[in-house]
Amino acid sequence: MEGFLGTRGDFVVDLVMTISGFLPFLLMFSFYLAARGQHDLHKNFQIVLFSIVTLLVIALELDVQLGGLKDISKQSPYAGTTELMIVFIVHLFFAITSFFGWLWLIIKSAKRYPIFFEYDHKKWGKIIFWDIVLMAITGWILYWMSFAV
């Protein structure tokens, strides 16, 4: 299915990129909920966001493997270049560390909730937030290099 961002990307990759662009703002809203004492809503919002992002990543991977994105990305002037490979590796690093960091924080926090956290939940939330921001930025660079130019 054709994408909606005006590039060679298809619908799935465009949807993933759009959500990744909004994700930091959605996370900041979740932090706002926690700061206002709405911890149940914060917890549930985090779980829903994580679940949606996980499903989108699975859809993207299936799209890459089965949907022809590999062939479409070969049309890019960056296809096969060292620059693209470096951006991909950096993006993959942030994607993996943010996924497992976020999963770890959700599990650890859900086990203790609503008891006071003995570890620094807020500190780890900020670290993972910035990891997600860097994942989103490198994802957009990768998208631009693969599908927009």
N, C-alpha and C. Protein backbone atom coordinates (compact mmCIF):
# COMPACT_ATOMS: atom_id res chain seq x y z
N MET A 1 0.85 -1.17 0.00
CA MET A 1 0.00 0.00 0.00
C MET A 1 0.90 1.24 0.00
N GLU A 2 0.54 2.18 -0.81
CA GLU A 2 1.33 3.39 -0.97
C GLU A 2 1.35 4.23 0.31
N GLY A 3 2.49 4.84 0.56
CA GLY A 3 2.64 5.68 1.74
C GLY A 3 1.94 7.01 1.61
N PHE A 4 1.97 7.79 2.68
CA PHE A 4 1.27 9.07 2.71
C PHE A 4 2.19 10.26 2.98
N LEU A 5 3.50 10.00 3.07
CA LEU A 5 4.44 11.09 3.34
C LEU A 5 5.13 11.62 2.08
N GLY A 6 4.74 11.11 0.92
CA GLY A 6 5.26 11.63 -0.34
C GLY A 6 6.65 11.13 -0.69
N THR A 7 7.05 9.99 -0.15
CA THR A 7 8.35 9.40 -0.46
C THR A 7 8.12 8.03 -1.10
N ARG A 8 9.20 7.27 -1.27
CA ARG A 8 9.06 5.90 -1.78
C ARG A 8 8.59 4.94 -0.69
N GLY A 9 8.53 5.39 0.55
CA GLY A 9 8.10 4.53 1.65
C GLY A 9 6.64 4.13 1.49
N ASP A 10 6.32 2.93 1.95
CA ASP A 10 4.94 2.47 1.88
C ASP A 10 4.17 2.89 3.13
N PHE A 11 2.91 2.46 3.23
CA PHE A 11 2.05 2.88 4.33
C PHE A 11 2.62 2.50 5.69
N VAL A 12 3.12 1.28 5.81
CA VAL A 12 3.62 0.81 7.12
C VAL A 12 4.81 1.65 7.57
N VAL A 13 5.78 1.85 6.71
CA VAL A 13 6.96 2.62 7.11
C VAL A 13 6.58 4.07 7.39
N ASP A 14 5.66 4.63 6.62
CA ASP A 14 5.22 6.00 6.88
C ASP A 14 4.47 6.10 8.22
N LEU A 15 3.67 5.10 8.54
CA LEU A 15 2.96 5.08 9.82
C LEU A 15 3.96 4.99 10.98
N VAL A 16 4.93 4.11 10.85
CA VAL A 16 5.96 3.97 11.90
C VAL A 16 6.71 5.28 12.08
N MET A 17 7.06 5.93 10.99
CA MET A 17 7.80 7.18 11.09
C MET A 17 6.94 8.28 11.72
N THR A 18 5.68 8.32 11.40
CA THR A 18 4.79 9.32 11.98
C THR A 18 4.66 9.10 13.48
N ILE A 19 4.42 7.87 13.89
CA ILE A 19 4.31 7.57 15.32
C ILE A 19 5.62 7.87 16.03
N SER A 20 6.75 7.53 15.41
CA SER A 20 8.04 7.81 16.07
C SER A 20 8.27 9.31 16.22
N GLY A 21 7.71 10.10 15.33
CA GLY A 21 7.82 11.55 15.47
C GLY A 21 7.00 12.10 16.63
N PHE A 22 5.87 11.47 16.90
CA PHE A 22 5.02 11.89 18.01
C PHE A 22 5.39 11.24 19.34
N LEU A 23 6.13 10.14 19.29
CA LEU A 23 6.42 9.37 20.49
C LEU A 23 7.06 10.18 21.61
N PRO A 24 8.08 11.00 21.35
CA PRO A 24 8.65 11.78 22.46
C PRO A 24 7.62 12.70 23.12
N PHE A 25 6.71 13.26 22.35
CA PHE A 25 5.69 14.14 22.91
C PHE A 25 4.66 13.36 23.72
N LEU A 26 4.33 12.17 23.24
CA LEU A 26 3.43 11.30 24.00
C LEU A 26 4.07 10.87 25.32
N LEU A 27 5.37 10.60 25.28
CA LEU A 27 6.08 10.24 26.51
C LEU A 27 6.13 11.43 27.47
N MET A 28 6.33 12.63 26.94
CA MET A 28 6.33 13.80 27.82
C MET A 28 4.96 14.00 28.46
N PHE A 29 3.90 13.72 27.72
CA PHE A 29 2.56 13.80 28.30
C PHE A 29 2.42 12.78 29.42
N SER A 30 2.96 11.60 29.22
CA SER A 30 2.93 10.57 30.25
C SER A 30 3.69 11.03 31.50
N PHE A 31 4.82 11.70 31.30
CA PHE A 31 5.59 12.23 32.44
C PHE A 31 4.78 13.30 33.17
N TYR A 32 4.05 14.10 32.40
CA TYR A 32 3.18 15.12 32.99
C TYR A 32 2.14 14.47 33.89
N LEU A 33 1.56 13.36 33.41
CA LEU A 33 0.56 12.65 34.22
C LEU A 33 1.17 12.19 35.54
N ALA A 34 2.38 11.65 35.48
CA ALA A 34 3.04 11.18 36.71
C ALA A 34 3.32 12.36 37.64
N ALA A 35 3.79 13.47 37.09
CA ALA A 35 4.10 14.63 37.91
C ALA A 35 2.84 15.19 38.58
N ARG A 36 1.69 15.00 37.96
CA ARG A 36 0.42 15.47 38.53
C ARG A 36 -0.18 14.45 39.50
N GLY A 37 0.54 13.36 39.74
CA GLY A 37 0.06 12.36 40.67
C GLY A 37 -0.91 11.35 40.08
N GLN A 38 -1.06 11.36 38.78
CA GLN A 38 -1.96 10.42 38.11
C GLN A 38 -1.17 9.16 37.70
N HIS A 39 -0.70 8.44 38.73
CA HIS A 39 0.22 7.34 38.50
C HIS A 39 -0.43 6.16 37.79
N ASP A 40 -1.69 5.88 38.08
CA ASP A 40 -2.37 4.79 37.38
C ASP A 40 -2.46 5.08 35.88
N LEU A 41 -2.83 6.31 35.56
CA LEU A 41 -2.93 6.71 34.16
C LEU A 41 -1.56 6.69 33.49
N HIS A 42 -0.54 7.16 34.20
CA HIS A 42 0.83 7.14 33.68
C HIS A 42 1.25 5.71 33.36
N LYS A 43 1.02 4.81 34.31
CA LYS A 43 1.41 3.40 34.13
C LYS A 43 0.68 2.80 32.93
N ASN A 44 -0.61 2.98 32.87
CA ASN A 44 -1.40 2.40 31.77
C ASN A 44 -1.03 3.01 30.42
N PHE A 45 -0.78 4.31 30.41
CA PHE A 45 -0.39 4.99 29.18
C PHE A 45 0.95 4.45 28.68
N GLN A 46 1.90 4.23 29.59
CA GLN A 46 3.20 3.69 29.22
C GLN A 46 3.05 2.28 28.63
N ILE A 47 2.23 1.46 29.26
CA ILE A 47 2.04 0.09 28.77
C ILE A 47 1.39 0.10 27.39
N VAL A 48 0.40 0.95 27.20
CA VAL A 48 -0.27 1.04 25.89
C VAL A 48 0.70 1.54 24.83
N LEU A 49 1.46 2.60 25.14
CA LEU A 49 2.45 3.12 24.19
C LEU A 49 3.47 2.05 23.81
N PHE A 50 4.00 1.37 24.83
CA PHE A 50 5.00 0.33 24.57
C PHE A 50 4.40 -0.77 23.69
N SER A 51 3.18 -1.16 23.96
CA SER A 51 2.52 -2.21 23.18
C SER A 51 2.32 -1.78 21.73
N ILE A 52 1.87 -0.55 21.53
CA ILE A 52 1.67 -0.04 20.17
C ILE A 52 2.99 0.01 19.42
N VAL A 53 4.01 0.54 20.07
CA VAL A 53 5.33 0.64 19.42
C VAL A 53 5.86 -0.76 19.08
N THR A 54 5.69 -1.70 19.98
CA THR A 54 6.15 -3.07 19.72
C THR A 54 5.43 -3.66 18.51
N LEU A 55 4.12 -3.49 18.44
CA LEU A 55 3.36 -3.99 17.29
C LEU A 55 3.78 -3.30 15.99
N LEU A 56 4.06 -2.01 16.06
CA LEU A 56 4.52 -1.30 14.86
C LEU A 56 5.89 -1.78 14.40
N VAL A 57 6.78 -2.06 15.35
CA VAL A 57 8.10 -2.57 14.98
C VAL A 57 7.98 -3.94 14.32
N ILE A 58 7.10 -4.78 14.85
CA ILE A 58 6.86 -6.09 14.24
C ILE A 58 6.31 -5.91 12.83
N ALA A 59 5.35 -5.01 12.67
CA ALA A 59 4.78 -4.74 11.34
C ALA A 59 5.85 -4.22 10.38
N LEU A 60 6.72 -3.35 10.87
CA LEU A 60 7.80 -2.82 10.03
C LEU A 60 8.75 -3.92 9.61
N GLU A 61 9.12 -4.78 10.54
CA GLU A 61 10.04 -5.87 10.21
C GLU A 61 9.41 -6.82 9.19
N LEU A 62 8.14 -7.13 9.35
CA LEU A 62 7.45 -7.96 8.36
C LEU A 62 7.40 -7.26 7.01
N ASP A 63 7.18 -5.96 7.02
CA ASP A 63 7.15 -5.17 5.79
C ASP A 63 8.50 -5.19 5.09
N VAL A 64 9.57 -5.08 5.87
CA VAL A 64 10.92 -5.12 5.29
C VAL A 64 11.17 -6.50 4.68
N GLN A 65 10.83 -7.55 5.42
CA GLN A 65 11.13 -8.91 4.97
C GLN A 65 10.20 -9.41 3.86
N LEU A 66 8.92 -9.04 3.94
CA LEU A 66 7.93 -9.61 3.02
C LEU A 66 7.31 -8.60 2.06
N GLY A 67 7.43 -7.32 2.38
CA GLY A 67 6.68 -6.33 1.62
C GLY A 67 7.45 -5.59 0.55
N GLY A 68 8.70 -5.88 0.34
CA GLY A 68 9.43 -5.25 -0.74
C GLY A 68 10.15 -3.96 -0.39
N LEU A 69 10.23 -3.62 0.89
CA LEU A 69 10.94 -2.38 1.25
C LEU A 69 12.43 -2.45 0.89
N LYS A 70 13.00 -3.63 0.94
CA LYS A 70 14.41 -3.77 0.56
C LYS A 70 14.63 -3.32 -0.88
N ASP A 71 13.74 -3.76 -1.77
CA ASP A 71 13.87 -3.37 -3.17
C ASP A 71 13.64 -1.88 -3.37
N ILE A 72 12.67 -1.33 -2.65
CA ILE A 72 12.37 0.10 -2.77
C ILE A 72 13.54 0.93 -2.27
N SER A 73 14.15 0.51 -1.16
CA SER A 73 15.28 1.28 -0.60
C SER A 73 16.50 1.22 -1.49
N LYS A 74 16.59 0.23 -2.36
CA LYS A 74 17.74 0.13 -3.28
C LYS A 74 17.73 1.23 -4.33
N GLN A 75 16.60 1.95 -4.44
CA GLN A 75 16.50 3.06 -5.38
C GLN A 75 17.20 4.31 -4.84
N SER A 76 17.56 4.30 -3.57
CA SER A 76 18.21 5.45 -2.95
C SER A 76 19.65 5.57 -3.40
N PRO A 77 20.13 6.81 -3.57
CA PRO A 77 21.55 6.98 -3.89
C PRO A 77 22.46 6.55 -2.73
N TYR A 78 21.91 6.38 -1.55
CA TYR A 78 22.69 5.93 -0.40
C TYR A 78 22.73 4.41 -0.27
N ALA A 79 21.98 3.72 -1.10
CA ALA A 79 21.92 2.25 -1.02
C ALA A 79 23.32 1.67 -1.13
N GLY A 80 23.66 0.82 -0.15
CA GLY A 80 24.95 0.15 -0.16
C GLY A 80 26.13 0.99 0.28
N THR A 81 25.88 2.22 0.76
CA THR A 81 26.99 3.09 1.16
C THR A 81 27.36 2.89 2.63
N THR A 82 28.57 3.28 2.94
CA THR A 82 29.04 3.24 4.32
C THR A 82 28.21 4.17 5.19
N GLU A 83 27.85 5.33 4.66
CA GLU A 83 27.06 6.29 5.43
C GLU A 83 25.73 5.69 5.89
N LEU A 84 25.05 5.01 4.97
CA LEU A 84 23.77 4.40 5.31
C LEU A 84 23.97 3.29 6.34
N MET A 85 25.02 2.52 6.19
CA MET A 85 25.28 1.43 7.13
C MET A 85 25.58 1.98 8.52
N ILE A 86 26.33 3.06 8.61
CA ILE A 86 26.63 3.68 9.91
C ILE A 86 25.35 4.17 10.58
N VAL A 87 24.51 4.87 9.82
CA VAL A 87 23.24 5.37 10.37
C VAL A 87 22.38 4.19 10.81
N PHE A 88 22.35 3.13 10.01
CA PHE A 88 21.55 1.96 10.36
C PHE A 88 22.05 1.32 11.66
N ILE A 89 23.36 1.18 11.81
CA ILE A 89 23.92 0.56 13.02
C ILE A 89 23.64 1.41 14.25
N VAL A 90 23.81 2.73 14.12
CA VAL A 90 23.53 3.63 15.25
C VAL A 90 22.05 3.57 15.61
N HIS A 91 21.19 3.59 14.58
CA HIS A 91 19.76 3.50 14.83
C HIS A 91 19.41 2.17 15.50
N LEU A 92 19.98 1.10 15.03
CA LEU A 92 19.71 -0.21 15.60
C LEU A 92 20.14 -0.28 17.06
N PHE A 93 21.28 0.34 17.38
CA PHE A 93 21.74 0.40 18.77
C PHE A 93 20.70 1.08 19.65
N PHE A 94 20.24 2.26 19.23
CA PHE A 94 19.25 2.99 20.03
C PHE A 94 17.91 2.25 20.06
N ALA A 95 17.53 1.61 18.96
CA ALA A 95 16.27 0.88 18.93
C ALA A 95 16.30 -0.30 19.92
N ILE A 96 17.40 -1.02 19.95
CA ILE A 96 17.50 -2.19 20.84
C ILE A 96 17.59 -1.75 22.29
N THR A 97 18.45 -0.78 22.57
CA THR A 97 18.60 -0.35 23.97
C THR A 97 17.34 0.33 24.49
N SER A 98 16.66 1.10 23.65
CA SER A 98 15.43 1.74 24.13
C SER A 98 14.32 0.72 24.34
N PHE A 99 14.22 -0.27 23.44
CA PHE A 99 13.18 -1.30 23.59
C PHE A 99 13.38 -2.08 24.90
N PHE A 100 14.58 -2.60 25.10
CA PHE A 100 14.81 -3.41 26.29
C PHE A 100 14.85 -2.57 27.57
N GLY A 101 15.33 -1.33 27.47
CA GLY A 101 15.30 -0.44 28.63
C GLY A 101 13.88 -0.11 29.05
N TRP A 102 13.05 0.21 28.07
CA TRP A 102 11.65 0.53 28.33
C TRP A 102 10.92 -0.68 28.89
N LEU A 103 11.15 -1.85 28.28
CA LEU A 103 10.53 -3.08 28.77
C LEU A 103 10.96 -3.36 30.21
N TRP A 104 12.25 -3.23 30.50
CA TRP A 104 12.76 -3.46 31.85
C TRP A 104 12.10 -2.51 32.85
N LEU A 105 12.01 -1.22 32.49
CA LEU A 105 11.43 -0.25 33.41
C LEU A 105 9.95 -0.52 33.65
N ILE A 106 9.22 -0.92 32.62
CA ILE A 106 7.81 -1.24 32.78
C ILE A 106 7.64 -2.44 33.71
N ILE A 107 8.40 -3.48 33.46
CA ILE A 107 8.27 -4.70 34.28
C ILE A 107 8.67 -4.42 35.72
N LYS A 108 9.83 -3.79 35.91
CA LYS A 108 10.31 -3.51 37.26
C LYS A 108 9.32 -2.61 38.01
N SER A 109 8.80 -1.62 37.33
CA SER A 109 7.88 -0.68 37.97
C SER A 109 6.53 -1.33 38.26
N ALA A 110 6.04 -2.13 37.32
CA ALA A 110 4.73 -2.77 37.51
C ALA A 110 4.76 -3.75 38.68
N LYS A 111 5.89 -4.40 38.88
CA LYS A 111 6.01 -5.34 40.00
C LYS A 111 5.94 -4.62 41.34
N ARG A 112 6.45 -3.42 41.42
CA ARG A 112 6.50 -2.68 42.68
C ARG A 112 5.29 -1.77 42.88
N TYR A 113 4.62 -1.40 41.83
CA TYR A 113 3.54 -0.43 41.91
C TYR A 113 2.42 -0.96 42.79
N PRO A 114 1.81 -0.17 43.65
CA PRO A 114 2.00 1.27 43.91
C PRO A 114 2.95 1.57 45.07
N ILE A 115 3.75 0.61 45.45
CA ILE A 115 4.70 0.81 46.55
C ILE A 115 5.79 1.79 46.08
N PHE A 116 6.31 2.57 47.01
CA PHE A 116 7.38 3.51 46.70
C PHE A 116 8.55 2.78 46.05
N PHE A 117 9.08 3.35 44.99
CA PHE A 117 10.19 2.73 44.26
C PHE A 117 11.51 2.97 45.00
N GLU A 118 12.24 1.88 45.23
CA GLU A 118 13.54 1.98 45.90
C GLU A 118 14.63 2.40 44.91
N TYR A 119 14.42 2.21 43.66
CA TYR A 119 15.39 2.62 42.65
C TYR A 119 14.92 3.95 42.07
N ASP A 120 15.75 4.57 41.30
CA ASP A 120 15.43 5.89 40.77
C ASP A 120 14.63 5.77 39.47
N HIS A 121 13.34 5.56 39.61
CA HIS A 121 12.43 5.38 38.48
C HIS A 121 12.47 6.58 37.53
N LYS A 122 12.42 7.76 38.10
CA LYS A 122 12.41 8.98 37.29
C LYS A 122 13.71 9.13 36.49
N LYS A 123 14.84 8.84 37.12
CA LYS A 123 16.14 8.94 36.44
C LYS A 123 16.19 7.97 35.25
N TRP A 124 15.77 6.72 35.48
CA TRP A 124 15.79 5.73 34.40
C TRP A 124 14.78 6.08 33.32
N GLY A 125 13.66 6.65 33.70
CA GLY A 125 12.68 7.09 32.72
C GLY A 125 13.26 8.15 31.79
N LYS A 126 14.01 9.09 32.37
CA LYS A 126 14.65 10.14 31.55
C LYS A 126 15.71 9.56 30.64
N ILE A 127 16.50 8.63 31.13
CA ILE A 127 17.55 7.99 30.31
C ILE A 127 16.91 7.28 29.12
N ILE A 128 15.87 6.51 29.40
CA ILE A 128 15.20 5.77 28.34
C ILE A 128 14.49 6.73 27.38
N PHE A 129 13.93 7.81 27.91
CA PHE A 129 13.31 8.83 27.05
C PHE A 129 14.32 9.35 26.02
N TRP A 130 15.52 9.73 26.47
CA TRP A 130 16.52 10.26 25.55
C TRP A 130 17.01 9.19 24.58
N ASP A 131 17.05 7.96 25.03
CA ASP A 131 17.38 6.85 24.14
C ASP A 131 16.32 6.75 23.03
N ILE A 132 15.06 6.88 23.40
CA ILE A 132 13.96 6.83 22.42
C ILE A 132 14.03 8.03 21.48
N VAL A 133 14.35 9.20 22.00
CA VAL A 133 14.49 10.39 21.14
C VAL A 133 15.59 10.16 20.10
N LEU A 134 16.73 9.63 20.54
CA LEU A 134 17.82 9.36 19.61
C LEU A 134 17.46 8.27 18.61
N MET A 135 16.69 7.28 19.05
CA MET A 135 16.20 6.25 18.14
C MET A 135 15.29 6.87 17.08
N ALA A 136 14.41 7.77 17.50
CA ALA A 136 13.50 8.43 16.55
C ALA A 136 14.27 9.30 15.56
N ILE A 137 15.24 10.07 16.05
CA ILE A 137 16.03 10.94 15.17
C ILE A 137 16.80 10.12 14.14
N THR A 138 17.48 9.09 14.61
CA THR A 138 18.25 8.26 13.67
C THR A 138 17.31 7.50 12.74
N GLY A 139 16.13 7.15 13.21
CA GLY A 139 15.14 6.51 12.34
C GLY A 139 14.70 7.43 11.22
N TRP A 140 14.49 8.70 11.55
CA TRP A 140 14.11 9.66 10.52
C TRP A 140 15.24 9.90 9.53
N ILE A 141 16.46 9.93 10.02
CA ILE A 141 17.61 10.08 9.10
C ILE A 141 17.69 8.87 8.18
N LEU A 142 17.52 7.68 8.74
CA LEU A 142 17.53 6.45 7.96
C LEU A 142 16.40 6.45 6.94
N TYR A 143 15.23 6.88 7.36
CA TYR A 143 14.08 6.97 6.45
C TYR A 143 14.37 7.93 5.30
N TRP A 144 14.91 9.08 5.64
CA TRP A 144 15.24 10.08 4.61
C TRP A 144 16.25 9.51 3.62
N MET A 145 17.31 8.89 4.15
CA MET A 145 18.36 8.36 3.28
C MET A 145 17.84 7.20 2.42
N SER A 146 16.91 6.41 2.92
CA SER A 146 16.43 5.23 2.22
C SER A 146 15.26 5.49 1.28
N PHE A 147 14.41 6.44 1.63
CA PHE A 147 13.16 6.58 0.88
C PHE A 147 12.88 7.98 0.33
N ALA A 148 13.56 9.01 0.83
CA ALA A 148 13.20 10.37 0.43
C ALA A 148 14.11 10.96 -0.65
N VAL A 149 15.36 10.54 -0.67
CA VAL A 149 16.28 11.12 -1.68
C VAL A 149 16.42 10.20 -2.86
